[in-house]
């Protein structure tokens, strides 16, 4: 929400986030189809993320657009009405 970048690594179906303050979040990643995947929250020591999510919470990520070095991604919570857009650079 504050515009800081988050470093994401993806390996062996694990989505790991490292934040500017060196805190982290770990989630399981499962592809649902060619353009949509589900993340399941495992743990975090990041103040915002650990208070926002609990173990087992699921998030749906949809690849909206592929750029030269980025993806535009929409994230939503199953059954929820809200969504967020962000750019994933690679």
Protein backbone atom coordinates (compact mmCIF):
# COMPACT_ATOMS: atom_id res chain seq x y z
CA UNK A 1 0.00 0.00 0.00
CA UNK A 2 2.91 2.40 0.53
CA UNK A 3 4.46 1.75 -2.90
CA UNK A 4 7.51 -0.18 -1.66
CA UNK A 5 8.78 -3.00 -3.86
CA UNK A 6 8.58 -6.59 -2.64
CA UNK A 7 11.10 -9.19 -3.81
CA UNK A 8 9.31 -12.42 -4.84
CA UNK A 9 10.99 -15.77 -5.44
CA UNK A 10 9.13 -18.79 -6.79
CA UNK A 11 10.61 -22.26 -6.38
CA UNK A 12 9.08 -25.73 -6.00
CA UNK A 13 5.51 -24.35 -5.71
CA UNK A 14 6.60 -21.94 -2.97
CA UNK A 15 5.98 -18.18 -3.29
CA UNK A 16 8.32 -16.29 -0.96
CA UNK A 17 8.15 -12.54 -0.41
CA UNK A 18 10.93 -10.44 1.13
CA UNK A 19 10.01 -6.90 2.20
CA UNK A 20 12.11 -3.72 2.48
CA UNK A 21 12.42 -4.19 6.27
CA UNK A 22 13.78 -7.75 5.66
CA UNK A 23 10.58 -9.39 6.91
CA UNK A 24 9.03 -12.19 4.86
CA UNK A 25 5.90 -14.12 3.89
CA UNK A 26 5.66 -17.71 2.63
CA UNK A 27 2.77 -19.10 0.58
CA UNK A 28 2.05 -22.28 -1.40
CA UNK A 29 1.46 -21.73 -5.11
CA UNK A 30 -0.88 -23.88 -7.25
CA UNK A 31 -1.67 -23.21 -10.91
CA UNK A 32 -5.40 -23.43 -11.69
CA UNK A 33 -5.02 -22.88 -15.46
CA UNK A 34 -2.61 -21.17 -17.90
CA UNK A 35 -3.26 -17.69 -16.52
CA UNK A 36 -4.55 -18.16 -12.97
CA UNK A 37 -2.92 -19.47 -9.80
CA UNK A 38 -3.88 -19.76 -6.15
CA UNK A 39 -1.66 -18.78 -3.22
CA UNK A 40 -2.30 -20.31 0.20
CA UNK A 41 -0.88 -18.43 3.18
CA UNK A 42 1.61 -20.37 5.32
CA UNK A 43 3.40 -17.83 7.54
CA UNK A 44 4.80 -14.32 7.78
CA UNK A 45 6.75 -12.17 10.19
CA UNK A 46 5.74 -8.97 8.34
CA UNK A 47 3.58 -6.80 10.62
CA UNK A 48 0.92 -6.07 7.98
CA UNK A 49 0.78 -9.52 6.38
CA UNK A 50 0.70 -11.55 9.60
CA UNK A 51 -2.24 -9.48 10.86
CA UNK A 52 -4.03 -9.55 7.50
CA UNK A 53 -3.81 -13.30 6.79
CA UNK A 54 -4.13 -16.50 8.76
CA UNK A 55 -2.77 -19.94 7.90
CA UNK A 56 -4.80 -21.46 5.06
CA UNK A 57 -6.19 -18.19 3.64
CA UNK A 58 -6.37 -18.38 -0.16
CA UNK A 59 -5.80 -15.70 -2.80
CA UNK A 60 -6.46 -15.96 -6.54
CA UNK A 61 -3.96 -14.32 -8.91
CA UNK A 62 -4.90 -13.78 -12.57
CA UNK A 63 -2.38 -12.73 -15.21
CA UNK A 64 -4.10 -9.87 -17.04
CA UNK A 65 -1.37 -8.68 -19.40
CA UNK A 66 2.20 -9.60 -20.26
CA UNK A 67 4.65 -6.76 -20.94
CA UNK A 68 8.28 -6.83 -22.08
CA UNK A 69 9.56 -7.46 -18.55
CA UNK A 70 6.41 -7.56 -16.42
CA UNK A 71 2.99 -9.03 -15.81
CA UNK A 72 -0.09 -7.06 -14.80
CA UNK A 73 -1.77 -9.21 -12.15
CA UNK A 74 -5.17 -9.05 -10.48
CA UNK A 75 -5.46 -10.59 -7.00
CA UNK A 76 -8.71 -11.42 -5.25
CA UNK A 77 -10.00 -13.44 -2.30
CA UNK A 78 -12.41 -16.25 -3.21
CA UNK A 79 -15.96 -15.12 -2.43
CA UNK A 80 -14.85 -11.53 -1.94
CA UNK A 81 -15.91 -8.49 -3.90
CA UNK A 82 -12.62 -6.56 -3.78
CA UNK A 83 -9.53 -6.98 -5.92
CA UNK A 84 -6.12 -5.35 -6.35
CA UNK A 85 -3.94 -4.82 -9.40
CA UNK A 86 -0.15 -4.82 -9.30
CA UNK A 87 2.78 -5.16 -11.64
CA UNK A 88 5.18 -8.09 -11.24
CA UNK A 89 8.57 -7.31 -12.81
CA UNK A 90 10.90 -10.06 -13.93
